[in-house]
Structures are given as structure tokens and as C-alpha cells.
Amino acid sequence: MLKKIPTIVGNVALWAGTLFFLWPIYWMLTGSFKQLKVALQIPPEWFPRQPTLENFRILAFDFPLFRWLYNSMFISVTATVLVIAVSSLAAYAFAKVPFKGSRPLFALMIASMSIPHTVLLIPLFQMMNKLGLNNTLWGVLLPLVGWPFGVFLLRQFMSTLPGALIEAAKIDGCGEWQTFFRIMLPLAKPGIAVLGIFTFVNSWNDYVWQVVMLKDKLTYTLPVGVKIARQVQEVDINYGVAMAGALCATLPVLLVFLLFQRFFTQGITFGALKG
């Protein structure tokens, strides 16, 4: 019996931690179906007795919810595709193509990962403004493409792949491009899926940069638009609408993770973090 105590304690701790992290999601889900007065009442109503879709109606008809959703999806999907394309090419060069200065260049890229994102806001804003991309979706997503973490992640993954495959491909007459597309990319699918999840979530939740760049109501992303939609008056906040908007902003990210979770686990454990 004494030998089972650590297992029992561990299971209880895991269940407690799970409930602790699921509680905000449950409160957001139930709060999205509550009226404003019910959402603010004390003691709180743990489960909506009279659920309503009014909060979703307000978002859909009083605000350009679907335009905000399109903007967020466009930024996140486009940024994900571009980051995967750029990072995979750079990672292949660092991992499998020897060239002079590769180590110092890779070390410099790793060092850039330590720069706080807030430090880059002003120079990035000035750069996008000079390019005429202020208050545009491209102005939001283009700075996301050069992501050092993406290069690092795929480089570590590709380093674990056997170099004999590249040598065999060259013997068969494949050039660098054919080797990259036919050999490296298919083998790196788990790592690419992990990078895709990270990039999608990072670009979807990059709230501060989106607030800095986007000024027009029709260019807002979903996270930025929800902040505007929750305002009932100049001071009051409609928490029901805020919960409904947060739910709409959470579902796409959750869906992406559920679709690619098997690649996520495989990519993390099979060499994405291997030195």
C-alpha cells in the first residue's frame, strides 16, 4: 500500500493541475452564453440557467466578425507558409550544405532569438511605414517571416537525418534542389508540422504588433476586434461579448493543434530539440 502512495499523489496532482488549466476555458465557454447582468452577478452563476446566443449575434451582426476572422486566418496561414518555406531552406543549408562562415552565422542567428520582441516594435514600425505597409495585413505578417526560432528548430531536426541519403541522391544525379524537395522535405514532415503549429499560434496571438500596425476597423484581426467589440459604452465592458469573442479566437488555434498533434509529439521527441 505504501508503494502506491506516490502514484496516488501524482495522479491527484495531475488531475488538480488539469482542472486548474481547464477552468478558464470552462468559464469562457459558459460565459459566452450568459447575458451581461448574469455574467457580472455575485455570487456567480456557475452554469448558465438561461443560455443565450445574443453575444454571438452582436459579434456577427453589429461588428465585422467574419472580416476579422478572415484577416486573422490570412495573416496566420500566409505567415505559416512563408516561415516554413524560408526556414526549411535556411535549415537545410545550415544542416547539410557546408559553407564558409556557417557556424558564426548560425550563432549570430541564435543570439538574435534573445532580443525582446518589444525592442523591435519601433524599428519594425518605421520600416513598414517607409514601405507603405502601415495599416495593412502584409505589414503585420511580413516581419513574422524572418523567424530565427523556425530556422533553429528545423536545423536541429534536419541534423538528425542521415547524410548518407544525400550522398546517395547525389550519386543518382540529383542536384541540391531535387535533394531538398525529394529527400529532405518528406523526411522533415514532423519538424515542419511542429513549426507550422508554433508559427500559426504565434502569428494568431501577436496582439501587440497587430495593435501597433492596424488602425482601420476593417483591417482588425479577431483578437484586436474583440477588444473593440466588448465595449458597451465608453467605460462599461460587455463580458458576455468578450467571452464569445475569446471563444471564437480560441477555436481555430485549438483545431490546428488537434489536427497536427501527432506530428507535434513526434517532432518534439525525435530531434527537434536535439543539439
Protein backbone atom coordinates (compact mmCIF):
# COMPACT_ATOMS: atom_id res chain seq x y z
CA MET A 1 0.00 0.00 0.00
CA LEU A 2 2.83 2.39 0.85
CA LYS A 3 4.35 1.83 -2.59
CA LYS A 4 1.16 3.08 -4.22
CA ILE A 5 1.10 6.37 -2.28
CA PRO A 6 3.48 8.25 -4.65
CA THR A 7 1.40 7.09 -7.64
CA ILE A 8 -1.84 8.17 -5.99
CA VAL A 9 -0.37 11.54 -5.01
CA GLY A 10 0.97 12.02 -8.52
CA ASN A 11 -2.41 11.22 -10.11
CA VAL A 12 -4.19 13.60 -7.75
CA ALA A 13 -1.67 16.34 -8.57
CA LEU A 14 -2.13 15.74 -12.32
CA TRP A 15 -5.91 15.89 -12.05
CA ALA A 16 -5.71 19.05 -9.94
CA GLY A 17 -3.38 20.67 -12.48
CA THR A 18 -5.63 19.64 -15.35
CA LEU A 19 -8.71 21.14 -13.68
CA PHE A 20 -6.74 24.28 -12.84
CA PHE A 21 -5.81 24.87 -16.50
CA LEU A 22 -9.21 23.84 -17.87
CA TRP A 23 -11.15 26.13 -15.54
CA PRO A 24 -10.53 29.36 -17.54
CA ILE A 25 -11.65 27.57 -20.71
CA TYR A 26 -14.82 26.37 -18.98
CA TRP A 27 -15.54 29.86 -17.62
CA MET A 28 -15.01 31.38 -21.08
CA LEU A 29 -17.27 28.77 -22.69
CA THR A 30 -20.12 29.22 -20.22
CA GLY A 31 -19.68 33.00 -20.05
CA SER A 32 -20.16 33.32 -23.80
CA PHE A 33 -23.76 32.10 -23.37
CA LYS A 34 -24.62 34.43 -20.47
CA GLN A 35 -26.32 37.81 -20.56
CA LEU A 36 -24.39 40.84 -19.32
CA LYS A 37 -26.18 41.04 -15.97
CA VAL A 38 -25.71 37.33 -15.33
CA ALA A 39 -22.03 37.48 -16.23
CA LEU A 40 -21.45 40.18 -13.59
CA GLN A 41 -23.64 38.90 -10.79
CA ILE A 42 -22.23 37.84 -7.42
CA PRO A 43 -22.33 35.03 -6.44
CA PRO A 44 -21.57 33.87 -9.96
CA GLU A 45 -23.78 31.55 -11.94
CA TRP A 46 -21.56 28.52 -12.50
CA PHE A 47 -23.68 27.21 -15.36
CA PRO A 48 -25.98 29.41 -17.50
CA ARG A 49 -29.58 28.69 -16.49
CA GLN A 50 -30.93 30.66 -19.43
CA PRO A 51 -28.31 30.32 -22.18
CA THR A 52 -28.46 32.86 -24.96
CA LEU A 53 -26.82 33.37 -28.35
CA GLU A 54 -27.16 37.15 -28.07
CA ASN A 55 -23.43 37.65 -27.58
CA PHE A 56 -22.65 35.81 -30.80
CA ARG A 57 -25.40 37.74 -32.60
CA ILE A 58 -23.83 41.03 -31.51
CA LEU A 59 -20.44 39.92 -32.79
CA ALA A 60 -21.82 38.65 -36.11
CA PHE A 61 -24.23 41.47 -36.98
CA ASP A 62 -23.06 44.56 -35.07
CA PHE A 63 -19.40 44.07 -35.90
CA PRO A 64 -17.50 42.71 -38.95
CA LEU A 65 -16.71 39.43 -37.16
CA PHE A 66 -16.20 37.39 -40.32
CA ARG A 67 -13.91 40.05 -41.80
CA TRP A 68 -11.84 39.95 -38.61
CA LEU A 69 -11.75 36.16 -38.80
CA TYR A 70 -10.63 36.32 -42.44
CA ASN A 71 -7.88 38.82 -41.57
CA SER A 72 -6.57 36.60 -38.77
CA MET A 73 -6.67 33.49 -40.94
CA PHE A 74 -4.96 35.27 -43.85
CA ILE A 75 -2.14 36.54 -41.64
CA SER A 76 -1.64 33.27 -39.78
CA VAL A 77 -1.88 30.90 -42.76
CA THR A 78 0.25 33.08 -45.06
CA ALA A 79 2.86 33.64 -42.35
CA THR A 80 2.95 29.90 -41.64
CA VAL A 81 3.54 29.01 -45.29
CA LEU A 82 6.24 31.67 -45.72
CA VAL A 83 8.01 30.81 -42.46
CA ILE A 84 8.09 27.11 -43.38
CA ALA A 85 9.45 27.91 -46.84
CA VAL A 86 12.17 30.29 -45.61
CA SER A 87 13.11 28.31 -42.51
CA SER A 88 13.32 24.95 -44.29
CA LEU A 89 15.67 26.35 -46.95
CA ALA A 90 17.90 28.05 -44.36
CA ALA A 91 17.84 24.99 -42.09
CA TYR A 92 18.87 22.69 -44.96
CA ALA A 93 21.80 24.98 -45.73
CA PHE A 94 22.95 25.10 -42.11
CA ALA A 95 22.47 21.37 -41.51
CA LYS A 96 23.59 19.69 -44.72
CA VAL A 97 25.37 22.17 -47.01
CA PRO A 98 28.83 23.08 -45.68
CA PHE A 99 29.86 26.65 -46.47
CA LYS A 100 32.36 29.10 -45.06
CA GLY A 101 31.13 31.06 -42.05
CA SER A 102 28.14 28.83 -41.36
CA ARG A 103 28.93 28.41 -37.66
CA PRO A 104 29.35 32.15 -36.85
CA LEU A 105 26.28 32.97 -38.91
CA PHE A 106 24.21 30.33 -37.13
CA ALA A 107 25.50 31.54 -33.74
CA LEU A 108 24.52 35.11 -34.68
CA MET A 109 21.05 33.92 -35.63
CA ILE A 110 20.70 32.08 -32.31
CA ALA A 111 21.80 35.22 -30.46
CA SER A 112 19.06 37.21 -32.20
CA MET A 113 16.48 34.96 -30.53
CA SER A 114 17.33 36.59 -27.19
CA ILE A 115 16.25 40.06 -28.35
CA PRO A 116 12.90 41.00 -26.71
CA HIS A 117 10.07 41.44 -29.18
CA THR A 118 9.12 44.82 -27.71
CA VAL A 119 12.56 46.23 -28.57
CA LEU A 120 11.86 45.60 -32.26
CA LEU A 121 8.45 47.28 -32.37
CA ILE A 122 9.66 50.81 -33.19
CA PRO A 123 12.23 49.90 -35.91
CA LEU A 124 9.80 47.43 -37.49
CA PHE A 125 7.03 50.00 -37.47
CA GLN A 126 9.29 52.59 -39.11
CA MET A 127 10.37 50.06 -41.72
CA MET A 128 6.81 49.06 -42.59
CA ASN A 129 5.76 52.72 -42.66
CA LYS A 130 8.51 53.59 -45.17
CA LEU A 131 7.42 50.66 -47.31
CA GLY A 132 3.84 51.96 -47.29
CA LEU A 133 2.56 48.87 -45.47
CA ASN A 134 1.21 50.63 -42.38
CA ASN A 135 -2.37 49.60 -41.56
CA THR A 136 -2.20 46.62 -43.93
CA LEU A 137 -2.28 42.88 -43.39
CA TRP A 138 1.03 42.46 -45.21
CA GLY A 139 2.61 44.93 -42.82
CA VAL A 140 1.61 42.64 -39.96
CA LEU A 141 2.72 39.32 -41.43
CA LEU A 142 5.96 40.16 -43.29
CA PRO A 143 8.03 40.82 -40.11
CA LEU A 144 6.93 37.39 -38.90
CA VAL A 145 8.60 35.60 -41.82
CA GLY A 146 12.18 36.04 -40.64
CA TRP A 147 11.80 33.93 -37.50
CA PRO A 148 15.14 32.64 -36.16
CA PHE A 149 13.41 30.05 -34.00
CA GLY A 150 11.96 28.40 -37.10
CA VAL A 151 15.43 28.04 -38.66
CA PHE A 152 16.82 26.69 -35.38
CA LEU A 153 14.01 24.17 -34.97
CA LEU A 154 14.27 22.71 -38.47
CA ARG A 155 18.05 22.81 -38.49
CA GLN A 156 18.17 20.72 -35.31
CA PHE A 157 15.69 18.29 -36.83
CA MET A 158 17.48 18.01 -40.19
CA SER A 159 20.81 17.47 -38.45
CA THR A 160 19.48 14.15 -37.14
CA LEU A 161 18.69 12.87 -40.65
CA PRO A 162 21.35 10.56 -42.12
CA GLY A 163 23.74 12.25 -44.52
CA ALA A 164 24.06 9.00 -46.47
CA LEU A 165 20.71 9.73 -48.06
CA ILE A 166 22.06 12.98 -49.52
CA GLU A 167 25.15 11.22 -50.81
CA ALA A 168 23.01 8.53 -52.43
CA ALA A 169 20.82 11.19 -54.03
CA LYS A 170 23.87 12.95 -55.47
CA ILE A 171 25.21 9.67 -56.84
CA ASP A 172 21.86 9.19 -58.59
CA GLY A 173 22.29 12.59 -60.23
CA CYS A 174 20.09 14.76 -58.00
CA GLY A 175 21.01 18.40 -57.60
CA GLU A 176 20.60 20.45 -54.43
CA TRP A 177 17.01 21.43 -55.25
CA GLN A 178 15.98 17.87 -56.08
CA THR A 179 17.66 16.58 -52.94
CA PHE A 180 15.92 19.19 -50.87
CA PHE A 181 12.43 18.65 -52.27
CA ARG A 182 12.52 14.88 -52.80
CA ILE A 183 14.63 13.73 -49.82
CA MET A 184 14.82 16.29 -47.02
CA LEU A 185 11.32 17.77 -47.03
CA PRO A 186 9.45 14.42 -46.91
CA LEU A 187 11.66 13.23 -44.04
CA ALA A 188 11.27 16.53 -42.19
CA LYS A 189 7.46 16.46 -42.14
CA PRO A 190 7.21 16.04 -38.33
CA GLY A 191 9.51 19.01 -37.75
CA ILE A 192 7.67 21.09 -40.33
CA ALA A 193 4.35 20.27 -38.65
CA VAL A 194 5.74 21.41 -35.29
CA LEU A 195 7.00 24.64 -36.83
CA GLY A 196 3.63 25.13 -38.53
CA ILE A 197 1.79 24.87 -35.21
CA PHE A 198 4.19 27.24 -33.47
CA THR A 199 4.04 29.77 -36.31
CA PHE A 200 0.26 29.70 -36.60
CA VAL A 201 -0.23 30.20 -32.87
CA ASN A 202 2.47 32.88 -32.66
CA SER A 203 1.08 34.91 -35.57
CA TRP A 204 -2.53 34.48 -34.39
CA ASN A 205 -1.72 35.70 -30.86
CA ASP A 206 0.71 38.51 -31.79
CA TYR A 207 -1.69 41.04 -30.30
CA VAL A 208 0.74 43.88 -29.52
CA TRP A 209 2.17 44.07 -33.05
CA GLN A 210 -1.31 43.92 -34.55
CA VAL A 211 -2.48 46.80 -32.34
CA VAL A 212 0.53 48.87 -33.37
CA MET A 213 0.07 48.27 -37.10
CA LEU A 214 -3.70 48.12 -37.65
CA LYS A 215 -5.81 51.27 -37.30
CA ASP A 216 -8.78 50.69 -39.60
CA LYS A 217 -11.76 48.72 -38.25
CA LEU A 218 -11.90 46.57 -41.39
CA THR A 219 -8.23 45.59 -41.08
CA TYR A 220 -8.51 44.43 -37.47
CA THR A 221 -7.71 40.85 -36.65
CA LEU A 222 -10.03 38.83 -34.44
CA PRO A 223 -8.09 39.38 -31.17
CA VAL A 224 -7.93 43.15 -31.80
CA GLY A 225 -11.56 43.32 -32.92
CA VAL A 226 -12.79 41.51 -29.82
CA LYS A 227 -11.21 44.21 -27.68
CA ILE A 228 -13.28 46.81 -29.53
CA ALA A 229 -16.47 44.73 -29.59
CA ARG A 230 -16.55 44.16 -25.85
CA GLN A 231 -17.06 47.87 -25.19
CA VAL A 232 -20.74 48.56 -24.40
CA GLN A 233 -20.22 52.20 -23.64
CA GLU A 234 -17.16 54.31 -23.19
CA VAL A 235 -16.39 52.72 -19.82
CA ASP A 236 -18.55 49.61 -19.39
CA ILE A 237 -17.43 46.24 -20.71
CA ASN A 238 -19.75 43.56 -22.04
CA TYR A 239 -18.12 40.48 -20.58
CA GLY A 240 -20.51 38.16 -22.40
CA VAL A 241 -19.41 39.53 -25.78
CA ALA A 242 -15.80 39.41 -24.64
CA MET A 243 -16.16 35.74 -23.70
CA ALA A 244 -17.86 34.93 -27.01
CA GLY A 245 -15.12 36.71 -28.93
CA ALA A 246 -12.42 34.94 -26.94
CA LEU A 247 -14.10 31.62 -27.72
CA CYS A 248 -14.15 32.43 -31.45
CA ALA A 249 -10.48 33.41 -31.28
CA THR A 250 -9.52 30.21 -29.42
CA LEU A 251 -11.28 27.62 -31.57
CA PRO A 252 -9.09 27.95 -34.72
CA VAL A 253 -5.89 27.57 -32.70
CA LEU A 254 -7.31 24.58 -30.83
CA LEU A 255 -8.44 22.98 -34.10
CA VAL A 256 -4.99 23.38 -35.69
CA PHE A 257 -3.33 21.75 -32.69
CA LEU A 258 -5.78 18.84 -32.65
CA LEU A 259 -5.26 18.19 -36.37
CA PHE A 260 -1.45 18.14 -36.11
CA GLN A 261 -0.90 16.86 -32.57
CA ARG A 262 0.56 13.52 -33.68
CA PHE A 263 3.22 15.34 -35.71
CA PHE A 264 3.77 17.72 -32.81
CA THR A 265 4.69 14.95 -30.37
CA GLN A 266 6.79 13.10 -32.92
CA GLY A 267 8.69 16.19 -34.00
CA ILE A 268 9.49 17.34 -30.47
CA THR A 269 10.74 13.94 -29.30
CA PHE A 270 12.54 12.85 -32.46
CA GLY A 271 15.16 15.53 -32.71
CA ALA A 272 13.59 18.97 -32.84
CA LEU A 273 15.35 19.84 -29.57
CA LYS A 274 18.41 17.68 -30.07
CA GLY A 275 21.71 19.53 -30.03
